[in-house]
């Protein structure tokens, strides 16, 4: 499965934005929650979902959307499956590594 991945380097932080390929450009709403999978934020390179392991190991922040992206982050131990936000059934997870 391929996903869109965009990596940002800002003020010493490494932000990985990744979404399932089929979700790019879509908006999801549920109650007061709104999730916009904006091209300008998520559309980087198309990569294999397996590449998330290396990307997340370097990330200090990650923003993930979709069954493939979030599922892989759960499998790798970066996301607790009980802490996933779902909007219209679409999983969304954020990761922030705390540095001491």
PDB file of N, CA and C in Angstrom:
ATOM      1  N   UNK A   1       0.853  -1.191   0.000  1.00  0.00           N
ATOM      2  CA  UNK A   1       0.000   0.000   0.000  1.00  0.00           C
ATOM      3  C   UNK A   1       0.886   1.239   0.000  1.00  0.00           C
ATOM      4  N   UNK A   2       0.514   2.233  -0.789  1.00  0.00           N
ATOM      5  CA  UNK A   2       1.271   3.474  -0.828  1.00  0.00           C
ATOM      6  C   UNK A   2       0.534   4.569  -0.074  1.00  0.00           C
ATOM      7  N   UNK A   3       1.322   5.461   0.491  1.00  0.00           N
ATOM      8  CA  UNK A   3       0.804   6.578   1.276  1.00  0.00           C
ATOM      9  C   UNK A   3       1.520   7.843   0.831  1.00  0.00           C
ATOM     10  N   UNK A   4       0.897   8.984   1.103  1.00  0.00           N
ATOM     11  CA  UNK A   4       1.579  10.255   0.883  1.00  0.00           C
ATOM     12  C   UNK A   4       2.327  10.621   2.157  1.00  0.00           C
ATOM     13  N   UNK A   5       3.565  11.065   1.989  1.00  0.00           N
ATOM     14  CA  UNK A   5       4.385  11.464   3.127  1.00  0.00           C
ATOM     15  C   UNK A   5       5.073  12.782   2.808  1.00  0.00           C
ATOM     16  N   UNK A   6       5.003  13.699   3.763  1.00  0.00           N
ATOM     17  CA  UNK A   6       5.716  14.963   3.642  1.00  0.00           C
ATOM     18  C   UNK A   6       6.451  15.185   4.960  1.00  0.00           C
ATOM     19  N   UNK A   7       7.738  15.487   4.868  1.00  0.00           N
ATOM     20  CA  UNK A   7       8.560  15.696   6.053  1.00  0.00           C
ATOM     21  C   UNK A   7       8.950  17.163   6.134  1.00  0.00           C
ATOM     22  N   UNK A   8       8.722  17.743   7.299  1.00  0.00           N
ATOM     23  CA  UNK A   8       9.055  19.140   7.559  1.00  0.00           C
ATOM     24  C   UNK A   8      10.172  19.194   8.600  1.00  0.00           C
ATOM     25  N   UNK A   9      11.111  20.110   8.398  1.00  0.00           N
ATOM     26  CA  UNK A   9      12.164  20.367   9.383  1.00  0.00           C
ATOM     27  C   UNK A   9      11.998  21.815   9.833  1.00  0.00           C
ATOM     28  N   UNK A  10      11.555  21.999  11.091  1.00  0.00           N
ATOM     29  CA  UNK A  10      11.259  23.335  11.591  1.00  0.00           C
ATOM     30  C   UNK A  10      11.791  23.485  13.010  1.00  0.00           C
ATOM     31  N   UNK A  11      12.668  24.427  13.212  1.00  0.00           N
ATOM     32  CA  UNK A  11      13.199  24.767  14.534  1.00  0.00           C
ATOM     33  C   UNK A  11      13.616  23.541  15.333  1.00  0.00           C
ATOM     34  N   UNK A  12      14.388  22.677  14.723  1.00  0.00           N
ATOM     35  CA  UNK A  12      14.889  21.490  15.400  1.00  0.00           C
ATOM     36  C   UNK A  12      13.901  20.336  15.488  1.00  0.00           C
ATOM     37  N   UNK A  13      12.688  20.531  15.020  1.00  0.00           N
ATOM     38  CA  UNK A  13      11.676  19.472  15.030  1.00  0.00           C
ATOM     39  C   UNK A  13      11.617  18.799  13.657  1.00  0.00           C
ATOM     40  N   UNK A  14      11.273  17.523  13.662  1.00  0.00           N
ATOM     41  CA  UNK A  14      11.051  16.789  12.421  1.00  0.00           C
ATOM     42  C   UNK A  14       9.598  16.328  12.455  1.00  0.00           C
ATOM     43  N   UNK A  15       8.779  16.942  11.606  1.00  0.00           N
ATOM     44  CA  UNK A  15       7.357  16.621  11.541  1.00  0.00           C
ATOM     45  C   UNK A  15       7.105  15.729  10.336  1.00  0.00           C
ATOM     46  N   UNK A  16       6.486  14.593  10.572  1.00  0.00           N
ATOM     47  CA  UNK A  16       6.098  13.698   9.494  1.00  0.00           C
ATOM     48  C   UNK A  16       4.587  13.769   9.352  1.00  0.00           C
ATOM     49  N   UNK A  17       4.131  14.176   8.181  1.00  0.00           N
ATOM     50  CA  UNK A  17       2.701  14.200   7.862  1.00  0.00           C
ATOM     51  C   UNK A  17       2.468  13.085   6.844  1.00  0.00           C
ATOM     52  N   UNK A  18       1.573  12.156   7.175  1.00  0.00           N
ATOM     53  CA  UNK A  18       1.336  11.033   6.274  1.00  0.00           C
ATOM     54  C   UNK A  18      -0.156  10.696   6.237  1.00  0.00           C
ATOM     55  N   UNK A  19      -0.617  10.335   5.049  1.00  0.00           N
ATOM     56  CA  UNK A  19      -2.010   9.921   4.900  1.00  0.00           C
ATOM     57  C   UNK A  19      -2.119   8.837   3.844  1.00  0.00           C
ATOM     58  N   UNK A  20      -3.158   8.031   3.979  1.00  0.00           N
ATOM     59  CA  UNK A  20      -3.434   7.034   2.956  1.00  0.00           C
ATOM     60  C   UNK A  20      -3.702   7.753   1.632  1.00  0.00           C
ATOM     61  N   UNK A  21      -3.223   7.171   0.564  1.00  0.00           N
ATOM     62  CA  UNK A  21      -3.320   7.796  -0.763  1.00  0.00           C
ATOM     63  C   UNK A  21      -4.746   8.202  -1.126  1.00  0.00           C
ATOM     64  N   UNK A  22      -5.724   7.371  -0.796  1.00  0.00           N
ATOM     65  CA  UNK A  22      -7.114   7.631  -1.208  1.00  0.00           C
ATOM     66  C   UNK A  22      -7.808   8.716  -0.388  1.00  0.00           C
ATOM     67  N   UNK A  23      -7.153   9.233   0.655  1.00  0.00           N
ATOM     68  CA  UNK A  23      -7.787  10.251   1.500  1.00  0.00           C
ATOM     69  C   UNK A  23      -7.353  11.678   1.181  1.00  0.00           C
ATOM     70  N   UNK A  24      -6.302  11.819   0.398  1.00  0.00           N
ATOM     71  CA  UNK A  24      -5.767  13.145   0.087  1.00  0.00           C
ATOM     72  C   UNK A  24      -6.826  14.049  -0.531  1.00  0.00           C
ATOM     73  N   UNK A  25      -6.953  15.252   0.022  1.00  0.00           N
ATOM     74  CA  UNK A  25      -7.895  16.233  -0.501  1.00  0.00           C
ATOM     75  C   UNK A  25      -9.305  16.120   0.043  1.00  0.00           C
ATOM     76  N   UNK A  26      -9.556  15.142   0.905  1.00  0.00           N
ATOM     77  CA  UNK A  26     -10.902  14.941   1.430  1.00  0.00           C
ATOM     78  C   UNK A  26     -11.078  15.618   2.791  1.00  0.00           C
ATOM     79  N   UNK A  27     -12.328  15.885   3.134  1.00  0.00           N
ATOM     80  CA  UNK A  27     -12.684  16.473   4.428  1.00  0.00           C
ATOM     81  C   UNK A  27     -13.699  15.570   5.098  1.00  0.00           C
ATOM     82  N   UNK A  28     -13.506  15.351   6.392  1.00  0.00           N
ATOM     83  CA  UNK A  28     -14.390  14.500   7.168  1.00  0.00           C
ATOM     84  C   UNK A  28     -14.933  15.300   8.347  1.00  0.00           C
ATOM     85  N   UNK A  29     -16.214  15.112   8.632  1.00  0.00           N
ATOM     86  CA  UNK A  29     -16.863  15.837   9.732  1.00  0.00           C
ATOM     87  C   UNK A  29     -17.681  14.865  10.568  1.00  0.00           C
ATOM     88  N   UNK A  30     -17.655  15.111  11.867  1.00  0.00           N
ATOM     89  CA  UNK A  30     -18.479  14.342  12.788  1.00  0.00           C
ATOM     90  C   UNK A  30     -18.742  15.228  13.993  1.00  0.00           C
ATOM     91  N   UNK A  31     -20.002  15.626  14.169  1.00  0.00           N
ATOM     92  CA  UNK A  31     -20.322  16.568  15.238  1.00  0.00           C
ATOM     93  C   UNK A  31     -19.558  17.861  15.004  1.00  0.00           C
ATOM     94  N   UNK A  32     -18.851  18.307  16.028  1.00  0.00           N
ATOM     95  CA  UNK A  32     -18.059  19.532  15.908  1.00  0.00           C
ATOM     96  C   UNK A  32     -16.651  19.283  15.394  1.00  0.00           C
ATOM     97  N   UNK A  33     -16.299  18.016  15.168  1.00  0.00           N
ATOM     98  CA  UNK A  33     -14.959  17.677  14.696  1.00  0.00           C
ATOM     99  C   UNK A  33     -14.865  17.758  13.182  1.00  0.00           C
ATOM    100  N   UNK A  34     -13.748  18.245  12.712  1.00  0.00           N
ATOM    101  CA  UNK A  34     -13.502  18.362  11.276  1.00  0.00           C
ATOM    102  C   UNK A  34     -12.057  17.971  11.003  1.00  0.00           C
ATOM    103  N   UNK A  35     -11.850  17.094  10.057  1.00  0.00           N
ATOM    104  CA  UNK A  35     -10.522  16.654   9.661  1.00  0.00           C
ATOM    105  C   UNK A  35     -10.355  16.922   8.171  1.00  0.00           C
ATOM    106  N   UNK A  36      -9.444  17.834   7.843  1.00  0.00           N
ATOM    107  CA  UNK A  36      -9.161  18.158   6.450  1.00  0.00           C
ATOM    108  C   UNK A  36      -7.809  17.559   6.079  1.00  0.00           C
ATOM    109  N   UNK A  37      -7.812  16.710   5.084  1.00  0.00           N
ATOM    110  CA  UNK A  37      -6.583  16.074   4.624  1.00  0.00           C
ATOM    111  C   UNK A  37      -6.078  16.911   3.443  1.00  0.00           C
ATOM    112  N   UNK A  38      -5.507  18.052   3.787  1.00  0.00           N
ATOM    113  CA  UNK A  38      -5.130  19.049   2.785  1.00  0.00           C
ATOM    114  C   UNK A  38      -3.885  18.648   1.999  1.00  0.00           C
ATOM    115  N   UNK A  39      -3.966  18.882   0.692  1.00  0.00           N
ATOM    116  CA  UNK A  39      -2.831  18.573  -0.179  1.00  0.00           C
ATOM    117  C   UNK A  39      -1.589  19.362   0.217  1.00  0.00           C
ATOM    118  N   UNK A  40      -1.757  20.627   0.574  1.00  0.00           N
ATOM    119  CA  UNK A  40      -0.582  21.448   0.871  1.00  0.00           C
ATOM    120  C   UNK A  40       0.165  20.959   2.108  1.00  0.00           C
ATOM    121  N   UNK A  41      -0.526  20.230   2.990  1.00  0.00           N
ATOM    122  CA  UNK A  41       0.122  19.715   4.195  1.00  0.00           C
ATOM    123  C   UNK A  41       0.619  18.280   4.019  1.00  0.00           C
ATOM    124  N   UNK A  42      -0.184  17.426   3.423  1.00  0.00           N
ATOM    125  CA  UNK A  42       0.138  16.002   3.342  1.00  0.00           C
ATOM    126  C   UNK A  42       0.795  15.559   2.041  1.00  0.00           C
ATOM    127  N   UNK A  43       0.569  16.283   0.938  1.00  0.00           N
ATOM    128  CA  UNK A  43       1.033  15.776  -0.358  1.00  0.00           C
ATOM    129  C   UNK A  43       2.522  16.026  -0.542  1.00  0.00           C
ATOM    130  N   UNK A  44       3.255  14.979  -0.294  1.00  0.00           N
ATOM    131  CA  UNK A  44       4.687  14.987  -0.541  1.00  0.00           C
ATOM    132  C   UNK A  44       4.965  13.889  -1.539  1.00  0.00           C
ATOM    133  N   UNK A  45       5.730  12.908  -1.121  1.00  0.00           N
ATOM    134  CA  UNK A  45       6.067  11.780  -1.988  1.00  0.00           C
ATOM    135  C   UNK A  45       5.140  10.610  -1.711  1.00  0.00           C
ATOM    136  N   UNK A  46       4.864   9.847  -2.742  1.00  0.00           N
ATOM    137  CA  UNK A  46       4.172   8.576  -2.559  1.00  0.00           C
ATOM    138  C   UNK A  46       5.223   7.568  -2.116  1.00  0.00           C
ATOM    139  N   UNK A  47       4.980   6.928  -0.967  1.00  0.00           N
ATOM    140  CA  UNK A  47       5.950   5.978  -0.408  1.00  0.00           C
ATOM    141  C   UNK A  47       5.210   4.718   0.018  1.00  0.00           C
ATOM    142  N   UNK A  48       5.929   3.644   0.152  1.00  0.00           N
ATOM    143  CA  UNK A  48       5.357   2.406   0.682  1.00  0.00           C
ATOM    144  C   UNK A  48       5.103   2.593   2.171  1.00  0.00           C
ATOM    145  N   UNK A  49       3.998   2.067   2.677  1.00  0.00           N
ATOM    146  CA  UNK A  49       3.655   2.219   4.088  1.00  0.00           C
ATOM    147  C   UNK A  49       4.749   1.633   4.982  1.00  0.00           C
ATOM    148  N   UNK A  50       5.481   0.651   4.486  1.00  0.00           N
ATOM    149  CA  UNK A  50       6.575   0.044   5.260  1.00  0.00           C
ATOM    150  C   UNK A  50       7.670   1.055   5.598  1.00  0.00           C
ATOM    151  N   UNK A  51       7.777   2.124   4.829  1.00  0.00           N
ATOM    152  CA  UNK A  51       8.811   3.139   5.064  1.00  0.00           C
ATOM    153  C   UNK A  51       8.501   4.003   6.291  1.00  0.00           C
ATOM    154  N   UNK A  52       7.294   3.886   6.842  1.00  0.00           N
ATOM    155  CA  UNK A  52       6.944   4.669   8.029  1.00  0.00           C
ATOM    156  C   UNK A  52       7.847   4.340   9.211  1.00  0.00           C
ATOM    157  N   UNK A  53       8.334   3.114   9.294  1.00  0.00           N
ATOM    158  CA  UNK A  53       9.185   2.732  10.417  1.00  0.00           C
ATOM    159  C   UNK A  53      10.394   3.655  10.529  1.00  0.00           C
ATOM    160  N   UNK A  54      11.102   3.836   9.444  1.00  0.00           N
ATOM    161  CA  UNK A  54      12.282   4.711   9.449  1.00  0.00           C
ATOM    162  C   UNK A  54      11.886   6.168   9.647  1.00  0.00           C
ATOM    163  N   UNK A  55      10.802   6.590   9.014  1.00  0.00           N
ATOM    164  CA  UNK A  55      10.361   7.980   9.126  1.00  0.00           C
ATOM    165  C   UNK A  55       9.943   8.323  10.555  1.00  0.00           C
ATOM    166  N   UNK A  56       9.185   7.439  11.190  1.00  0.00           N
ATOM    167  CA  UNK A  56       8.727   7.713  12.553  1.00  0.00           C
ATOM    168  C   UNK A  56       9.856   7.636  13.568  1.00  0.00           C
ATOM    169  N   UNK A  57      10.878   6.852  13.276  1.00  0.00           N
ATOM    170  CA  UNK A  57      12.008   6.780  14.210  1.00  0.00           C
ATOM    171  C   UNK A  57      12.769   8.101  14.253  1.00  0.00           C
ATOM    172  N   UNK A  58      12.707   8.878  13.194  1.00  0.00           N
ATOM    173  CA  UNK A  58      13.384  10.176  13.122  1.00  0.00           C
ATOM    174  C   UNK A  58      12.472  11.340  13.522  1.00  0.00           C
ATOM    175  N   UNK A  59      11.171  11.108  13.497  1.00  0.00           N
ATOM    176  CA  UNK A  59      10.204  12.185  13.742  1.00  0.00           C
ATOM    177  C   UNK A  59      10.149  12.574  15.222  1.00  0.00           C
ATOM    178  N   UNK A  60       9.957  13.865  15.465  1.00  0.00           N
ATOM    179  CA  UNK A  60       9.653  14.322  16.818  1.00  0.00           C
ATOM    180  C   UNK A  60       8.153  14.582  16.942  1.00  0.00           C
ATOM    181  N   UNK A  61       7.514  14.802  15.800  1.00  0.00           N
ATOM    182  CA  UNK A  61       6.065  15.009  15.726  1.00  0.00           C
ATOM    183  C   UNK A  61       5.569  14.265  14.492  1.00  0.00           C
ATOM    184  N   UNK A  62       4.391  13.654  14.598  1.00  0.00           N
ATOM    185  CA  UNK A  62       3.806  13.006  13.422  1.00  0.00           C
ATOM    186  C   UNK A  62       2.303  13.242  13.423  1.00  0.00           C
ATOM    187  N   UNK A  63       1.775  13.390  12.230  1.00  0.00           N
ATOM    188  CA  UNK A  63       0.345  13.584  12.022  1.00  0.00           C
ATOM    189  C   UNK A  63      -0.054  12.546  10.981  1.00  0.00           C
ATOM    190  N   UNK A  64      -0.870  11.571  11.394  1.00  0.00           N
ATOM    191  CA  UNK A  64      -1.188  10.427  10.543  1.00  0.00           C
ATOM    192  C   UNK A  64      -2.688  10.295  10.333  1.00  0.00           C
ATOM    193  N   UNK A  65      -3.085   9.987   9.087  1.00  0.00           N
ATOM    194  CA  UNK A  65      -4.503   9.821   8.763  1.00  0.00           C
ATOM    195  C   UNK A  65      -4.673   8.587   7.884  1.00  0.00           C
ATOM    196  N   UNK A  66      -5.630   7.746   8.257  1.00  0.00           N
ATOM    197  CA  UNK A  66      -5.990   6.607   7.422  1.00  0.00           C
ATOM    198  C   UNK A  66      -5.655   5.266   8.047  1.00  0.00           C
ATOM    199  N   UNK A  67      -6.363   4.250   7.591  1.00  0.00           N
ATOM    200  CA  UNK A  67      -6.196   2.901   8.122  1.00  0.00           C
ATOM    201  C   UNK A  67      -4.769   2.389   7.955  1.00  0.00           C
ATOM    202  N   UNK A  68      -4.170   2.619   6.790  1.00  0.00           N
ATOM    203  CA  UNK A  68      -2.815   2.112   6.535  1.00  0.00           C
ATOM    204  C   UNK A  68      -1.775   2.820   7.410  1.00  0.00           C
ATOM    205  N   UNK A  69      -1.798   4.154   7.400  1.00  0.00           N
ATOM    206  CA  UNK A  69      -0.814   4.931   8.175  1.00  0.00           C
ATOM    207  C   UNK A  69      -0.937   4.686   9.669  1.00  0.00           C
ATOM    208  N   UNK A  70      -2.135   4.846  10.178  1.00  0.00           N
ATOM    209  CA  UNK A  70      -2.351   4.706  11.618  1.00  0.00           C
ATOM    210  C   UNK A  70      -2.154   3.249  12.039  1.00  0.00           C
ATOM    211  N   UNK A  71      -2.624   2.330  11.225  1.00  0.00           N
ATOM    212  CA  UNK A  71      -2.444   0.904  11.518  1.00  0.00           C
ATOM    213  C   UNK A  71      -0.973   0.527  11.625  1.00  0.00           C
ATOM    214  N   UNK A  72      -0.153   1.043  10.729  1.00  0.00           N
ATOM    215  CA  UNK A  72       1.280   0.757  10.764  1.00  0.00           C
ATOM    216  C   UNK A  72       1.912   1.372  12.008  1.00  0.00           C
ATOM    217  N   UNK A  73       1.502   2.577  12.388  1.00  0.00           N
ATOM    218  CA  UNK A  73       2.043   3.223  13.590  1.00  0.00           C
ATOM    219  C   UNK A  73       1.665   2.428  14.845  1.00  0.00           C
ATOM    220  N   UNK A  74       0.465   1.851  14.873  1.00  0.00           N
ATOM    221  CA  UNK A  74       0.049   0.996  15.990  1.00  0.00           C
ATOM    222  C   UNK A  74       0.922  -0.259  16.015  1.00  0.00           C
ATOM    223  N   UNK A  75       1.069  -0.884  14.848  1.00  0.00           N
ATOM    224  CA  UNK A  75       1.875  -2.101  14.726  1.00  0.00           C
ATOM    225  C   UNK A  75       3.316  -1.869  15.210  1.00  0.00           C
ATOM    226  N   UNK A  76       3.857  -0.693  14.928  1.00  0.00           N
ATOM    227  CA  UNK A  76       5.235  -0.368  15.309  1.00  0.00           C
ATOM    228  C   UNK A  76       5.369   0.094  16.758  1.00  0.00           C
ATOM    229  N   UNK A  77       4.238   0.288  17.435  1.00  0.00           N
ATOM    230  CA  UNK A  77       4.278   0.692  18.836  1.00  0.00           C
ATOM    231  C   UNK A  77       4.328   2.189  19.077  1.00  0.00           C
ATOM    232  N   UNK A  78       4.094   2.989  18.048  1.00  0.00           N
ATOM    233  CA  UNK A  78       4.107   4.449  18.188  1.00  0.00           C
ATOM    234  C   UNK A  78       2.763   5.012  18.646  1.00  0.00           C
ATOM    235  N   UNK A  79       1.686   4.287  18.374  1.00  0.00           N
ATOM    236  CA  UNK A  79       0.338   4.756  18.696  1.00  0.00           C
ATOM    237  C   UNK A  79      -0.405   3.670  19.467  1.00  0.00           C
ATOM    238  N   UNK A  80      -1.072   4.068  20.534  1.00  0.00           N
ATOM    239  CA  UNK A  80      -1.928   3.177  21.306  1.00  0.00           C
ATOM    240  C   UNK A  80      -3.272   3.082  20.587  1.00  0.00           C
ATOM    241  N   UNK A  81      -3.695   1.873  20.262  1.00  0.00           N
ATOM    242  CA  UNK A  81      -4.942   1.707  19.492  1.00  0.00           C
ATOM    243  C   UNK A  81      -6.162   2.290  20.194  1.00  0.00           C
ATOM    244  N   UNK A  82      -6.083   2.454  21.511  1.00  0.00           N
ATOM    245  CA  UNK A  82      -7.199   3.033  22.253  1.00  0.00           C
ATOM    246  C   UNK A  82      -7.186   4.562  22.253  1.00  0.00           C
ATOM    247  N   UNK A  83      -6.175   5.151  21.653  1.00  0.00           N
ATOM    248  CA  UNK A  83      -6.038   6.611  21.619  1.00  0.00           C
ATOM    249  C   UNK A  83      -6.213   7.197  20.214  1.00  0.00           C
ATOM    250  N   UNK A  84      -6.785   6.422  19.333  1.00  0.00           N
ATOM    251  CA  UNK A  84      -6.993   6.867  17.955  1.00  0.00           C
ATOM    252  C   UNK A  84      -8.312   7.622  17.870  1.00  0.00           C
ATOM    253  N   UNK A  85      -8.289   8.795  17.256  1.00  0.00           N
ATOM    254  CA  UNK A  85      -9.501   9.568  17.009  1.00  0.00           C
ATOM    255  C   UNK A  85     -10.071   9.122  15.667  1.00  0.00           C
ATOM    256  N   UNK A  86     -11.359   8.875  15.625  1.00  0.00           N
ATOM    257  CA  UNK A  86     -12.012   8.510  14.355  1.00  0.00           C
ATOM    258  C   UNK A  86     -13.066   9.555  14.031  1.00  0.00           C
ATOM    259  N   UNK A  87     -12.979  10.066  12.826  1.00  0.00           N
ATOM    260  CA  UNK A  87     -13.951  11.039  12.336  1.00  0.00           C
ATOM    261  C   UNK A  87     -14.552  10.454  11.067  1.00  0.00           C
ATOM    262  N   UNK A  88     -15.843  10.231  11.074  1.00  0.00           N
ATOM    263  CA  UNK A  88     -16.543   9.522   9.994  1.00  0.00           C
ATOM    264  C   UNK A  88     -15.872   8.174   9.737  1.00  0.00           C
ATOM    265  N   UNK A  89     -15.354   7.553  10.794  1.00  0.00           N
ATOM    266  CA  UNK A  89     -14.715   6.245  10.676  1.00  0.00           C
ATOM    267  C   UNK A  89     -13.269   6.284  10.231  1.00  0.00           C
ATOM    268  N   UNK A  90     -12.759   7.465   9.874  1.00  0.00           N
ATOM    269  CA  UNK A  90     -11.381   7.596   9.404  1.00  0.00           C
ATOM    270  C   UNK A  90     -10.451   7.812  10.602  1.00  0.00           C
ATOM    271  N   UNK A  91      -9.453   6.936  10.784  1.00  0.00           N
ATOM    272  CA  UNK A  91      -8.553   7.087  11.927  1.00  0.00           C
ATOM    273  C   UNK A  91      -7.557   8.229  11.747  1.00  0.00           C
ATOM    274  N   UNK A  92      -7.318   8.927  12.861  1.00  0.00           N
ATOM    275  CA  UNK A  92      -6.362  10.032  12.893  1.00  0.00           C
ATOM    276  C   UNK A  92      -5.560   9.918  14.186  1.00  0.00           C
ATOM    277  N   UNK A  93      -4.260  10.042  14.087  1.00  0.00           N
ATOM    278  CA  UNK A  93      -3.412   9.971  15.280  1.00  0.00           C
ATOM    279  C   UNK A  93      -2.299  11.002  15.169  1.00  0.00           C
ATOM    280  N   UNK A  94      -1.929  11.539  16.317  1.00  0.00           N
ATOM    281  CA  UNK A  94      -0.808  12.468  16.385  1.00  0.00           C
ATOM    282  C   UNK A  94       0.193  11.918  17.381  1.00  0.00           C
ATOM    283  N   UNK A  95       1.453  12.127  17.080  1.00  0.00           N
ATOM    284  CA  UNK A  95       2.545  11.666  17.931  1.00  0.00           C
ATOM    285  C   UNK A  95       3.434  12.854  18.261  1.00  0.00           C
ATOM    286  N   UNK A  96       3.826  12.964  19.512  1.00  0.00           N
ATOM    287  CA  UNK A  96       4.815  13.964  19.915  1.00  0.00           C
ATOM    288  C   UNK A  96       5.791  13.266  20.840  1.00  0.00           C
ATOM    289  N   UNK A  97       7.058  13.253  20.460  1.00  0.00           N
ATOM    290  CA  UNK A  97       8.083  12.650  21.304  1.00  0.00           C
ATOM    291  C   UNK A  97       8.570  13.693  22.304  1.00  0.00           C
ATOM    292  N   UNK A  98       8.572  13.316  23.544  1.00  0.00           N
ATOM    293  CA  UNK A  98       9.029  14.211  24.593  1.00  0.00           C
ATOM    294  C   UNK A  98      10.540  14.025  24.794  1.00  0.00           C
ATOM    295  N   UNK A  99      11.258  15.095  24.700  1.00  0.00           N
ATOM    296  CA  UNK A  99      12.715  15.055  24.870  1.00  0.00           C
ATOM    297  C   UNK A  99      13.067  15.661  26.206  1.00  0.00           C
ATOM    298  N   UNK A 100      13.878  14.987  26.978  1.00  0.00           N
ATOM    299  CA  UNK A 100      14.287  15.491  28.283  1.00  0.00           C
ATOM    300  C   UNK A 100      15.715  15.939  28.262  1.00  0.00           C
TER     301      UNK A 100
END
